[in-house]
């Protein structure tokens, strides 16, 4: 199924406060993880700390389609929602200067996961099934409309764990304020970016040596 979303998102966001006025470990980062792990709250706080724009993919789909997520599931089906989600992923990975909060199921799909990890770091938030249940028990989330939502949460989390484990960084959100979690993410992004920079620098001499060897062989 192909869905084209033509509204609600430009392909480039302007740097907030001027790109030269603040040091950041990254200018693009995504937050993934199960529903109720705090992606929206933490994402907004992280965007404030890094002076980046905040984009919530579920809210973006809702705005563009003109329906709530439960309405999309009920009226169009999960397949249509996932197609919208995939189109949104393609768009948010073309953004600059953004913190992107992903829907709970976005990162488990191979195509989405590949394009997101190619774009930049993906921070996965984790919480216990009990915490997720407490945070979501009064919501109308389609996947939890069942007789035993806690059991459903455990099952889904087990099924998705191997996919979430492929994220760049992993942070636990149980019993922690959003500011504290966002602060940890910023620190770990600095460490990650330093590692990435070191790897790039070490790769450059190797590439030069290989190029020199190729010329000598010619």
N, C-alpha and C. Protein backbone atom coordinates (compact mmCIF):
# COMPACT_ATOMS: atom_id res chain seq x y z
N UNK A 1 0.85 -1.20 0.00
CA UNK A 1 0.00 0.00 0.00
C UNK A 1 0.88 1.25 0.00
N UNK A 2 0.59 2.18 -0.88
CA UNK A 2 1.36 3.42 -0.97
C UNK A 2 0.51 4.59 -0.52
N UNK A 3 1.02 5.37 0.37
CA UNK A 3 0.32 6.56 0.87
C UNK A 3 1.23 7.75 0.69
N UNK A 4 0.72 8.81 0.13
CA UNK A 4 1.50 10.03 -0.05
C UNK A 4 0.94 11.11 0.86
N UNK A 5 1.77 11.60 1.75
CA UNK A 5 1.38 12.67 2.66
C UNK A 5 2.00 13.95 2.14
N UNK A 6 1.18 14.86 1.70
CA UNK A 6 1.69 16.05 1.01
C UNK A 6 1.62 17.31 1.85
N UNK A 7 1.14 17.19 3.10
CA UNK A 7 1.00 18.38 3.92
C UNK A 7 1.68 18.19 5.26
N UNK A 8 1.86 19.30 5.95
CA UNK A 8 2.21 19.25 7.35
C UNK A 8 3.67 19.13 7.71
N UNK A 9 4.55 18.99 6.73
CA UNK A 9 5.96 18.80 7.07
C UNK A 9 6.84 19.25 5.94
N UNK A 10 7.69 20.24 6.20
CA UNK A 10 8.66 20.65 5.20
C UNK A 10 9.84 19.69 5.24
N UNK A 11 10.62 19.65 4.19
CA UNK A 11 11.75 18.74 4.17
C UNK A 11 12.96 19.31 4.88
N UNK A 12 12.87 20.56 5.30
CA UNK A 12 14.00 21.15 6.03
C UNK A 12 13.46 22.11 7.08
N UNK A 13 13.99 22.00 8.29
CA UNK A 13 13.64 22.92 9.36
C UNK A 13 14.82 23.85 9.59
N UNK A 14 14.53 25.10 9.83
CA UNK A 14 15.61 26.06 10.04
C UNK A 14 16.26 25.82 11.40
N UNK A 15 17.56 26.09 11.51
CA UNK A 15 18.22 25.92 12.80
C UNK A 15 17.60 26.84 13.85
N UNK A 16 17.33 26.32 15.05
CA UNK A 16 16.77 27.15 16.10
C UNK A 16 17.88 27.94 16.77
N UNK A 17 17.64 29.24 16.99
CA UNK A 17 18.57 30.15 17.65
C UNK A 17 19.87 30.30 16.86
N UNK A 18 19.90 29.88 15.60
CA UNK A 18 21.12 29.99 14.81
C UNK A 18 22.04 28.83 15.06
N UNK A 19 22.44 28.15 14.01
CA UNK A 19 23.22 26.93 14.17
C UNK A 19 24.59 27.18 14.79
N UNK A 20 25.09 28.41 14.73
CA UNK A 20 26.42 28.67 15.25
C UNK A 20 26.43 29.11 16.70
N UNK A 21 25.28 29.23 17.36
CA UNK A 21 25.21 29.80 18.69
C UNK A 21 25.12 28.76 19.79
N UNK A 22 25.06 27.49 19.45
CA UNK A 22 24.95 26.47 20.47
C UNK A 22 25.69 25.22 20.00
N UNK A 23 26.42 24.62 20.94
CA UNK A 23 27.09 23.37 20.61
C UNK A 23 26.14 22.20 20.89
N UNK A 24 26.02 21.33 19.93
CA UNK A 24 25.15 20.17 20.08
C UNK A 24 25.92 18.91 19.70
N UNK A 25 25.63 17.78 20.34
CA UNK A 25 26.28 16.54 19.90
C UNK A 25 25.74 16.05 18.57
N UNK A 26 24.48 16.39 18.28
CA UNK A 26 23.83 16.00 17.02
C UNK A 26 22.84 17.10 16.63
N UNK A 27 22.45 17.12 15.38
CA UNK A 27 21.39 18.03 14.94
C UNK A 27 20.14 17.27 14.53
N UNK A 28 20.19 15.93 14.66
CA UNK A 28 19.01 15.09 14.39
C UNK A 28 19.12 13.84 15.25
N UNK A 29 18.02 13.51 15.90
CA UNK A 29 17.98 12.30 16.72
C UNK A 29 16.54 11.83 16.80
N UNK A 30 16.34 10.51 16.84
CA UNK A 30 15.00 9.94 16.97
C UNK A 30 14.89 9.18 18.28
N UNK A 31 13.67 9.17 18.83
CA UNK A 31 13.37 8.40 20.03
C UNK A 31 12.41 7.28 19.66
N UNK A 32 12.79 6.05 19.98
CA UNK A 32 11.96 4.88 19.70
C UNK A 32 11.67 4.16 21.01
N UNK A 33 10.81 3.15 20.94
CA UNK A 33 10.48 2.38 22.12
C UNK A 33 8.99 2.08 22.19
N UNK A 34 8.61 1.26 23.13
CA UNK A 34 7.23 0.84 23.28
C UNK A 34 6.37 2.03 23.71
N UNK A 35 5.07 1.91 23.46
CA UNK A 35 4.14 2.94 23.92
C UNK A 35 4.27 3.11 25.43
N UNK A 36 4.12 4.35 25.88
CA UNK A 36 4.15 4.61 27.31
C UNK A 36 5.52 4.67 27.94
N UNK A 37 6.57 4.63 27.14
CA UNK A 37 7.92 4.73 27.70
C UNK A 37 8.38 6.17 27.85
N UNK A 38 7.58 7.12 27.36
CA UNK A 38 7.89 8.53 27.59
C UNK A 38 8.51 9.25 26.41
N UNK A 39 8.35 8.71 25.21
CA UNK A 39 9.03 9.30 24.04
C UNK A 39 8.61 10.75 23.78
N UNK A 40 7.32 11.03 23.91
CA UNK A 40 6.86 12.40 23.62
C UNK A 40 7.35 13.39 24.67
N UNK A 41 7.20 13.04 25.94
CA UNK A 41 7.63 13.95 27.02
C UNK A 41 9.14 14.16 26.99
N UNK A 42 9.86 13.06 26.89
CA UNK A 42 11.32 13.15 26.87
C UNK A 42 11.80 13.83 25.60
N UNK A 43 11.14 13.53 24.48
CA UNK A 43 11.52 14.13 23.22
C UNK A 43 11.38 15.64 23.23
N UNK A 44 10.27 16.11 23.81
CA UNK A 44 10.07 17.56 23.89
C UNK A 44 11.16 18.19 24.77
N UNK A 45 11.45 17.56 25.91
CA UNK A 45 12.48 18.09 26.81
C UNK A 45 13.84 18.06 26.14
N UNK A 46 14.13 17.00 25.41
CA UNK A 46 15.40 16.89 24.70
C UNK A 46 15.53 17.97 23.64
N UNK A 47 14.44 18.22 22.93
CA UNK A 47 14.47 19.27 21.90
C UNK A 47 14.72 20.64 22.52
N UNK A 48 14.20 20.85 23.72
CA UNK A 48 14.44 22.12 24.42
C UNK A 48 15.91 22.25 24.80
N UNK A 49 16.48 21.17 25.33
CA UNK A 49 17.88 21.21 25.76
C UNK A 49 18.84 21.42 24.59
N UNK A 50 18.51 20.82 23.46
CA UNK A 50 19.38 20.91 22.29
C UNK A 50 19.02 22.06 21.36
N UNK A 51 17.94 22.80 21.70
CA UNK A 51 17.45 23.88 20.84
C UNK A 51 17.19 23.37 19.43
N UNK A 52 16.43 22.26 19.35
CA UNK A 52 16.02 21.68 18.07
C UNK A 52 14.50 21.63 18.01
N UNK A 53 13.98 21.48 16.80
CA UNK A 53 12.54 21.34 16.64
C UNK A 53 12.09 19.96 17.11
N UNK A 54 10.87 19.87 17.61
CA UNK A 54 10.31 18.60 18.06
C UNK A 54 9.23 18.14 17.10
N UNK A 55 9.33 16.90 16.65
CA UNK A 55 8.35 16.31 15.72
C UNK A 55 7.86 15.00 16.30
N UNK A 56 6.55 14.87 16.48
CA UNK A 56 5.93 13.63 16.95
C UNK A 56 5.23 12.99 15.75
N UNK A 57 5.69 11.80 15.34
CA UNK A 57 5.16 11.21 14.09
C UNK A 57 3.69 10.84 14.20
N UNK A 58 3.24 10.37 15.37
CA UNK A 58 1.82 10.04 15.52
C UNK A 58 0.95 11.29 15.38
N UNK A 59 1.39 12.40 16.00
CA UNK A 59 0.62 13.64 15.89
C UNK A 59 0.65 14.18 14.46
N UNK A 60 1.76 13.96 13.79
CA UNK A 60 1.86 14.40 12.40
C UNK A 60 0.88 13.63 11.51
N UNK A 61 0.80 12.31 11.71
CA UNK A 61 -0.16 11.50 10.94
C UNK A 61 -1.58 11.96 11.23
N UNK A 62 -1.87 12.20 12.49
CA UNK A 62 -3.22 12.65 12.89
C UNK A 62 -3.57 13.96 12.20
N UNK A 63 -2.62 14.89 12.18
CA UNK A 63 -2.88 16.20 11.58
C UNK A 63 -3.08 16.10 10.07
N UNK A 64 -2.26 15.28 9.43
CA UNK A 64 -2.33 15.19 7.97
C UNK A 64 -3.55 14.39 7.51
N UNK A 65 -3.83 13.27 8.18
CA UNK A 65 -4.96 12.42 7.78
C UNK A 65 -6.29 13.00 8.23
N UNK A 66 -6.26 13.79 9.30
CA UNK A 66 -7.49 14.40 9.80
C UNK A 66 -8.30 13.47 10.67
N UNK A 67 -7.65 12.44 11.23
CA UNK A 67 -8.32 11.48 12.10
C UNK A 67 -7.38 11.13 13.25
N UNK A 68 -7.96 10.72 14.38
CA UNK A 68 -7.14 10.23 15.47
C UNK A 68 -6.58 8.86 15.10
N UNK A 69 -5.54 8.43 15.81
CA UNK A 69 -4.95 7.12 15.53
C UNK A 69 -5.99 6.01 15.71
N UNK A 70 -6.80 6.01 16.80
CA UNK A 70 -7.84 4.97 16.91
C UNK A 70 -8.83 5.00 15.75
N UNK A 71 -9.17 6.19 15.25
CA UNK A 71 -10.08 6.29 14.11
C UNK A 71 -9.44 5.72 12.85
N UNK A 72 -8.15 5.97 12.66
CA UNK A 72 -7.45 5.42 11.49
C UNK A 72 -7.46 3.89 11.55
N UNK A 73 -7.15 3.33 12.72
CA UNK A 73 -7.16 1.88 12.88
C UNK A 73 -8.55 1.31 12.62
N UNK A 74 -9.57 1.97 13.19
CA UNK A 74 -10.94 1.44 13.09
C UNK A 74 -11.52 1.57 11.69
N UNK A 75 -11.24 2.70 11.02
CA UNK A 75 -11.87 2.98 9.74
C UNK A 75 -11.03 2.54 8.54
N UNK A 76 -9.72 2.61 8.67
CA UNK A 76 -8.85 2.31 7.53
C UNK A 76 -8.05 1.01 7.72
N UNK A 77 -7.88 0.60 8.97
CA UNK A 77 -7.11 -0.60 9.25
C UNK A 77 -5.67 -0.32 9.59
N UNK A 78 -5.02 -1.29 10.25
CA UNK A 78 -3.63 -1.10 10.65
C UNK A 78 -2.69 -0.97 9.45
N UNK A 79 -3.01 -1.69 8.36
CA UNK A 79 -2.15 -1.62 7.17
C UNK A 79 -2.05 -0.20 6.63
N UNK A 80 -3.17 0.51 6.60
CA UNK A 80 -3.16 1.89 6.12
C UNK A 80 -2.33 2.77 7.05
N UNK A 81 -2.51 2.56 8.38
CA UNK A 81 -1.74 3.36 9.34
C UNK A 81 -0.25 3.12 9.17
N UNK A 82 0.17 1.86 8.99
CA UNK A 82 1.59 1.56 8.84
C UNK A 82 2.15 2.17 7.55
N UNK A 83 1.32 2.23 6.51
CA UNK A 83 1.76 2.86 5.27
C UNK A 83 1.96 4.36 5.47
N UNK A 84 1.05 4.98 6.20
CA UNK A 84 1.21 6.40 6.53
C UNK A 84 2.48 6.60 7.35
N UNK A 85 2.70 5.72 8.30
CA UNK A 85 3.86 5.79 9.17
C UNK A 85 5.16 5.70 8.37
N UNK A 86 5.18 4.80 7.40
CA UNK A 86 6.39 4.63 6.59
C UNK A 86 6.68 5.88 5.76
N UNK A 87 5.63 6.50 5.23
CA UNK A 87 5.81 7.74 4.47
C UNK A 87 6.33 8.85 5.38
N UNK A 88 5.81 8.93 6.60
CA UNK A 88 6.26 9.94 7.55
C UNK A 88 7.73 9.72 7.91
N UNK A 89 8.13 8.46 8.06
CA UNK A 89 9.54 8.16 8.36
C UNK A 89 10.44 8.68 7.23
N UNK A 90 10.03 8.46 6.01
CA UNK A 90 10.83 8.96 4.88
C UNK A 90 10.97 10.48 4.94
N UNK A 91 9.92 11.15 5.38
CA UNK A 91 9.96 12.60 5.44
C UNK A 91 10.79 13.12 6.62
N UNK A 92 10.63 12.51 7.79
CA UNK A 92 11.35 13.03 8.96
C UNK A 92 12.85 12.75 8.86
N UNK A 93 13.23 11.74 8.11
CA UNK A 93 14.68 11.49 7.94
C UNK A 93 15.31 12.46 6.97
N UNK A 94 14.51 13.28 6.30
CA UNK A 94 15.05 14.33 5.44
C UNK A 94 15.12 15.67 6.17
N UNK A 95 14.68 15.69 7.41
CA UNK A 95 14.71 16.93 8.18
C UNK A 95 16.11 17.22 8.72
N UNK A 96 16.36 18.47 8.98
CA UNK A 96 17.53 18.91 9.73
C UNK A 96 17.05 19.59 11.00
N UNK A 97 17.89 19.55 12.05
CA UNK A 97 17.60 20.26 13.30
C UNK A 97 16.28 19.79 13.93
N UNK A 98 16.21 18.48 14.20
CA UNK A 98 14.97 17.94 14.74
C UNK A 98 15.21 16.80 15.72
N UNK A 99 14.35 16.75 16.74
CA UNK A 99 14.20 15.58 17.60
C UNK A 99 12.87 14.94 17.20
N UNK A 100 12.93 13.66 16.83
CA UNK A 100 11.75 12.97 16.29
C UNK A 100 11.29 11.89 17.26
N UNK A 101 10.04 11.99 17.72
CA UNK A 101 9.45 10.96 18.55
C UNK A 101 8.66 10.01 17.66
N UNK A 102 9.01 8.72 17.70
CA UNK A 102 8.39 7.72 16.83
C UNK A 102 7.26 6.99 17.54
N UNK A 103 6.29 6.53 16.78
CA UNK A 103 5.25 5.68 17.33
C UNK A 103 5.83 4.38 17.83
N UNK A 104 5.12 3.71 18.74
CA UNK A 104 5.65 2.51 19.36
C UNK A 104 6.02 1.39 18.40
N UNK A 105 5.28 1.28 17.28
CA UNK A 105 5.54 0.20 16.34
C UNK A 105 6.43 0.58 15.17
N UNK A 106 6.81 1.85 15.09
CA UNK A 106 7.55 2.33 13.91
C UNK A 106 8.88 1.62 13.72
N UNK A 107 9.63 1.49 14.80
CA UNK A 107 11.01 1.00 14.69
C UNK A 107 11.10 -0.51 14.49
N UNK A 108 10.00 -1.23 14.69
CA UNK A 108 10.07 -2.68 14.57
C UNK A 108 10.01 -3.14 13.12
N UNK A 109 9.65 -2.24 12.20
CA UNK A 109 9.57 -2.61 10.79
C UNK A 109 10.92 -2.37 10.12
N UNK A 110 11.39 -3.39 9.40
CA UNK A 110 12.75 -3.39 8.87
C UNK A 110 13.07 -2.15 8.03
N UNK A 111 12.16 -1.79 7.11
CA UNK A 111 12.42 -0.66 6.22
C UNK A 111 12.56 0.64 7.01
N UNK A 112 11.65 0.84 7.98
CA UNK A 112 11.72 2.04 8.82
C UNK A 112 13.01 2.06 9.62
N UNK A 113 13.33 0.93 10.23
CA UNK A 113 14.51 0.85 11.09
C UNK A 113 15.79 1.15 10.29
N UNK A 114 15.87 0.62 9.10
CA UNK A 114 17.05 0.82 8.27
C UNK A 114 17.24 2.30 7.93
N UNK A 115 16.19 2.95 7.47
CA UNK A 115 16.32 4.35 7.04
C UNK A 115 16.58 5.26 8.23
N UNK A 116 15.99 4.95 9.39
CA UNK A 116 16.21 5.76 10.58
C UNK A 116 17.66 5.65 11.07
N UNK A 117 18.19 4.44 11.13
CA UNK A 117 19.55 4.25 11.60
C UNK A 117 20.57 4.80 10.62
N UNK A 118 20.22 4.82 9.34
CA UNK A 118 21.10 5.43 8.35
C UNK A 118 21.15 6.94 8.53
N UNK A 119 20.04 7.53 8.99
CA UNK A 119 19.96 8.99 9.13
C UNK A 119 20.73 9.49 10.33
N UNK A 120 20.64 8.79 11.44
CA UNK A 120 21.29 9.28 12.65
C UNK A 120 21.02 8.39 13.83
N UNK A 121 21.40 8.84 15.03
CA UNK A 121 21.21 8.00 16.21
C UNK A 121 19.74 7.83 16.57
N UNK A 122 19.39 6.63 17.00
CA UNK A 122 18.05 6.33 17.49
C UNK A 122 18.17 5.91 18.94
N UNK A 123 17.58 6.68 19.83
CA UNK A 123 17.61 6.38 21.26
C UNK A 123 16.34 5.61 21.61
N UNK A 124 16.51 4.43 22.18
CA UNK A 124 15.37 3.60 22.57
C UNK A 124 15.11 3.77 24.06
N UNK A 125 13.88 4.13 24.40
CA UNK A 125 13.47 4.25 25.80
C UNK A 125 12.83 2.94 26.25
N UNK A 126 13.15 2.53 27.48
CA UNK A 126 12.64 1.29 28.04
C UNK A 126 11.91 1.55 29.34
N UNK A 127 10.88 0.74 29.59
CA UNK A 127 10.16 0.78 30.87
C UNK A 127 9.59 -0.62 31.11
N UNK A 128 9.26 -0.92 32.34
CA UNK A 128 8.69 -2.23 32.65
C UNK A 128 7.25 -2.30 32.12
N UNK A 129 6.74 -3.52 31.90
CA UNK A 129 5.34 -3.65 31.48
C UNK A 129 4.37 -3.00 32.46
N UNK A 130 4.68 -3.09 33.76
CA UNK A 130 3.80 -2.50 34.77
C UNK A 130 3.77 -0.97 34.65
N UNK A 131 4.94 -0.37 34.39
CA UNK A 131 4.99 1.08 34.20
C UNK A 131 4.21 1.48 32.97
N UNK A 132 4.40 0.75 31.88
CA UNK A 132 3.68 1.04 30.64
C UNK A 132 2.17 0.94 30.87
N UNK A 133 1.75 -0.09 31.59
CA UNK A 133 0.31 -0.26 31.86
C UNK A 133 -0.24 0.93 32.65
N UNK A 134 0.47 1.35 33.69
CA UNK A 134 0.01 2.48 34.50
C UNK A 134 -0.10 3.75 33.67
N UNK A 135 0.81 3.92 32.72
CA UNK A 135 0.81 5.14 31.91
C UNK A 135 -0.23 5.10 30.78
N UNK A 136 -0.68 3.92 30.40
CA UNK A 136 -1.56 3.81 29.23
C UNK A 136 -2.95 3.26 29.54
N UNK A 137 -3.22 2.89 30.78
CA UNK A 137 -4.46 2.16 31.08
C UNK A 137 -5.72 2.99 30.85
N UNK A 138 -5.59 4.30 30.85
CA UNK A 138 -6.77 5.14 30.60
C UNK A 138 -6.80 5.68 29.17
N UNK A 139 -5.91 5.18 28.32
CA UNK A 139 -5.86 5.66 26.93
C UNK A 139 -6.76 4.80 26.06
N UNK A 140 -6.92 5.24 24.81
CA UNK A 140 -7.73 4.48 23.84
C UNK A 140 -6.86 3.86 22.77
N UNK A 141 -5.65 3.47 23.13
CA UNK A 141 -4.71 2.90 22.15
C UNK A 141 -5.29 1.60 21.58
N UNK A 142 -5.35 1.50 20.27
CA UNK A 142 -6.01 0.35 19.63
C UNK A 142 -5.44 -1.00 20.03
N UNK A 143 -4.13 -1.10 20.18
CA UNK A 143 -3.52 -2.40 20.46
C UNK A 143 -3.77 -2.87 21.89
N UNK A 144 -4.33 -2.00 22.75
CA UNK A 144 -4.58 -2.38 24.13
C UNK A 144 -6.06 -2.56 24.43
N UNK A 145 -6.89 -2.55 23.39
CA UNK A 145 -8.32 -2.76 23.59
C UNK A 145 -8.59 -4.26 23.70
N UNK A 146 -8.25 -4.80 24.88
CA UNK A 146 -8.35 -6.23 25.13
C UNK A 146 -8.73 -6.47 26.57
N UNK A 147 -9.15 -7.69 26.89
CA UNK A 147 -9.60 -8.02 28.24
C UNK A 147 -8.48 -7.90 29.26
N UNK A 148 -7.26 -8.25 28.86
CA UNK A 148 -6.12 -8.23 29.77
C UNK A 148 -4.99 -7.41 29.13
N UNK A 149 -5.05 -6.08 29.23
CA UNK A 149 -4.06 -5.23 28.56
C UNK A 149 -2.64 -5.44 29.08
N UNK A 150 -2.47 -5.73 30.37
CA UNK A 150 -1.12 -5.93 30.90
C UNK A 150 -0.46 -7.15 30.26
N UNK A 151 -1.23 -8.21 30.12
CA UNK A 151 -0.70 -9.40 29.45
C UNK A 151 -0.36 -9.09 27.99
N UNK A 152 -1.20 -8.31 27.35
CA UNK A 152 -0.96 -7.90 25.96
C UNK A 152 0.32 -7.07 25.86
N UNK A 153 0.53 -6.18 26.82
CA UNK A 153 1.74 -5.36 26.83
C UNK A 153 2.98 -6.25 26.95
N UNK A 154 2.94 -7.21 27.87
CA UNK A 154 4.09 -8.11 28.05
C UNK A 154 4.39 -8.87 26.75
N UNK A 155 3.34 -9.37 26.12
CA UNK A 155 3.52 -10.15 24.89
C UNK A 155 4.13 -9.29 23.79
N UNK A 156 3.59 -8.10 23.60
CA UNK A 156 4.09 -7.21 22.55
C UNK A 156 5.52 -6.77 22.82
N UNK A 157 5.82 -6.48 24.08
CA UNK A 157 7.18 -6.05 24.41
C UNK A 157 8.19 -7.17 24.15
N UNK A 158 7.80 -8.40 24.47
CA UNK A 158 8.68 -9.54 24.20
C UNK A 158 8.90 -9.71 22.69
N UNK A 159 7.82 -9.56 21.92
CA UNK A 159 7.92 -9.72 20.47
C UNK A 159 8.80 -8.65 19.83
N UNK A 160 8.77 -7.45 20.39
CA UNK A 160 9.47 -6.32 19.78
C UNK A 160 10.88 -6.10 20.31
N UNK A 161 11.24 -6.77 21.38
CA UNK A 161 12.52 -6.48 22.04
C UNK A 161 13.71 -6.61 21.08
N UNK A 162 13.77 -7.66 20.30
CA UNK A 162 14.92 -7.86 19.42
C UNK A 162 15.08 -6.73 18.42
N UNK A 163 13.97 -6.11 18.03
CA UNK A 163 14.04 -4.97 17.11
C UNK A 163 14.49 -3.71 17.83
N UNK A 164 13.92 -3.46 19.01
CA UNK A 164 14.32 -2.29 19.78
C UNK A 164 15.80 -2.35 20.15
N UNK A 165 16.32 -3.56 20.38
CA UNK A 165 17.72 -3.70 20.78
C UNK A 165 18.68 -3.21 19.70
N UNK A 166 18.21 -3.01 18.50
CA UNK A 166 19.06 -2.55 17.41
C UNK A 166 19.25 -1.03 17.39
N UNK A 167 18.63 -0.35 18.35
CA UNK A 167 18.80 1.10 18.45
C UNK A 167 20.23 1.48 18.79
N UNK A 168 20.54 2.75 18.66
CA UNK A 168 21.89 3.26 18.89
C UNK A 168 22.23 3.35 20.37
N UNK A 169 21.32 3.92 21.15
CA UNK A 169 21.49 4.08 22.59
C UNK A 169 20.24 3.58 23.29
N UNK A 170 20.38 3.16 24.55
CA UNK A 170 19.26 2.61 25.30
C UNK A 170 19.21 3.26 26.68
N UNK A 171 18.02 3.77 27.04
CA UNK A 171 17.85 4.50 28.30
C UNK A 171 16.56 4.03 28.97
N UNK A 172 16.63 3.81 30.28
CA UNK A 172 15.45 3.40 31.04
C UNK A 172 14.73 4.63 31.58
N UNK A 173 13.39 4.58 31.54
CA UNK A 173 12.61 5.76 31.93
C UNK A 173 11.74 5.53 33.17
N UNK A 174 11.81 4.35 33.78
CA UNK A 174 10.97 4.07 34.95
C UNK A 174 11.26 5.02 36.10
N UNK A 175 10.22 5.66 36.61
CA UNK A 175 10.34 6.46 37.82
C UNK A 175 11.28 7.64 37.73
N UNK A 176 11.49 8.15 36.53
CA UNK A 176 12.43 9.26 36.35
C UNK A 176 11.74 10.43 35.66
N UNK A 177 12.02 11.66 36.07
CA UNK A 177 11.44 12.82 35.38
C UNK A 177 12.04 12.98 33.99
N UNK A 178 11.27 13.58 33.11
CA UNK A 178 11.69 13.74 31.72
C UNK A 178 13.00 14.54 31.61
N UNK A 179 13.17 15.55 32.46
CA UNK A 179 14.40 16.36 32.40
C UNK A 179 15.63 15.52 32.68
N UNK A 180 15.52 14.64 33.66
CA UNK A 180 16.67 13.80 34.02
C UNK A 180 17.01 12.84 32.88
N UNK A 181 15.99 12.25 32.28
CA UNK A 181 16.21 11.31 31.17
C UNK A 181 16.83 12.04 29.98
N UNK A 182 16.29 13.21 29.67
CA UNK A 182 16.82 13.98 28.54
C UNK A 182 18.26 14.39 28.79
N UNK A 183 18.58 14.74 30.03
CA UNK A 183 19.95 15.10 30.36
C UNK A 183 20.90 13.94 30.16
N UNK A 184 20.47 12.74 30.56
CA UNK A 184 21.31 11.56 30.32
C UNK A 184 21.52 11.32 28.83
N UNK A 185 20.45 11.50 28.06
CA UNK A 185 20.55 11.29 26.61
C UNK A 185 21.55 12.26 26.00
N UNK A 186 21.51 13.52 26.42
CA UNK A 186 22.44 14.51 25.88
C UNK A 186 23.89 14.08 26.17
N UNK A 187 24.15 13.67 27.41
CA UNK A 187 25.50 13.24 27.77
C UNK A 187 25.95 12.04 26.93
N UNK A 188 25.05 11.10 26.75
CA UNK A 188 25.41 9.90 26.00
C UNK A 188 25.53 10.18 24.50
N UNK A 189 24.78 11.16 24.02
CA UNK A 189 24.94 11.56 22.61
C UNK A 189 26.29 12.21 22.38
N UNK A 190 26.78 12.98 23.36
CA UNK A 190 28.12 13.55 23.24
C UNK A 190 29.16 12.45 23.13
N UNK A 191 29.04 11.44 23.99
CA UNK A 191 29.98 10.31 23.96
C UNK A 191 29.89 9.57 22.63
N UNK A 192 28.66 9.38 22.17
CA UNK A 192 28.45 8.68 20.89
C UNK A 192 29.05 9.48 19.73
N UNK A 193 28.82 10.78 19.71
CA UNK A 193 29.34 11.60 18.61
C UNK A 193 30.86 11.64 18.62
N UNK A 194 31.48 11.65 19.81
CA UNK A 194 32.95 11.62 19.89
C UNK A 194 33.48 10.32 19.32
N UNK A 195 32.78 9.21 19.62
CA UNK A 195 33.20 7.91 19.09
C UNK A 195 33.07 7.87 17.58
N UNK A 196 31.96 8.40 17.08
CA UNK A 196 31.75 8.43 15.63
C UNK A 196 32.84 9.26 14.94
N UNK A 197 33.20 10.38 15.56
CA UNK A 197 34.23 11.25 14.99
C UNK A 197 35.58 10.55 14.96
N UNK A 198 35.91 9.84 16.06
CA UNK A 198 37.17 9.11 16.12
C UNK A 198 37.24 8.01 15.06
N UNK A 199 36.12 7.33 14.85
CA UNK A 199 36.08 6.26 13.85
C UNK A 199 36.26 6.82 12.45
N UNK A 200 35.65 7.98 12.18
CA UNK A 200 35.78 8.60 10.87
C UNK A 200 37.23 9.02 10.62
N UNK A 201 37.87 9.59 11.66
CA UNK A 201 39.25 10.02 11.51
C UNK A 201 40.20 8.84 11.29
N UNK A 202 39.97 7.74 12.01
CA UNK A 202 40.83 6.58 11.85
C UNK A 202 40.61 5.90 10.52
N UNK A 203 39.41 6.05 9.94
CA UNK A 203 39.12 5.42 8.65
C UNK A 203 39.80 6.16 7.51
N UNK A 204 39.99 7.47 7.65
CA UNK A 204 40.56 8.27 6.56
C UNK A 204 41.98 7.83 6.17
N UNK A 205 42.92 7.61 7.12
CA UNK A 205 44.25 7.14 6.72
C UNK A 205 44.21 5.78 6.03
N UNK A 206 43.30 4.88 6.51
CA UNK A 206 43.18 3.57 5.91
C UNK A 206 42.72 3.68 4.46
N UNK A 207 41.77 4.57 4.22
CA UNK A 207 41.28 4.76 2.86
C UNK A 207 42.39 5.32 1.97
N UNK A 208 43.19 6.25 2.53
CA UNK A 208 44.30 6.82 1.76
C UNK A 208 45.33 5.75 1.42
N UNK A 209 45.62 4.87 2.39
CA UNK A 209 46.58 3.81 2.16
C UNK A 209 46.10 2.86 1.07
N UNK A 210 44.80 2.53 1.13
CA UNK A 210 44.24 1.64 0.12
C UNK A 210 44.30 2.27 -1.27
N UNK A 211 44.01 3.60 -1.32
CA UNK A 211 44.06 4.29 -2.60
C UNK A 211 45.49 4.30 -3.15
N UNK A 212 46.46 4.51 -2.24
CA UNK A 212 47.86 4.49 -2.65
C UNK A 212 48.29 3.13 -3.15
N UNK A 213 47.81 2.08 -2.47
CA UNK A 213 48.14 0.72 -2.90
C UNK A 213 47.56 0.42 -4.26
N UNK A 214 46.34 0.92 -4.51
CA UNK A 214 45.71 0.71 -5.81
C UNK A 214 46.51 1.39 -6.92
N UNK A 215 46.97 2.63 -6.62
CA UNK A 215 47.74 3.35 -7.64
C UNK A 215 49.06 2.64 -7.92
N UNK A 216 49.71 2.12 -6.84
CA UNK A 216 50.98 1.41 -7.03
C UNK A 216 50.79 0.15 -7.85
N UNK A 217 49.66 -0.52 -7.64
CA UNK A 217 49.38 -1.76 -8.38
C UNK A 217 49.18 -1.46 -9.85
N UNK A 218 48.60 -0.27 -10.15
CA UNK A 218 48.39 0.12 -11.55
C UNK A 218 49.73 0.37 -12.23
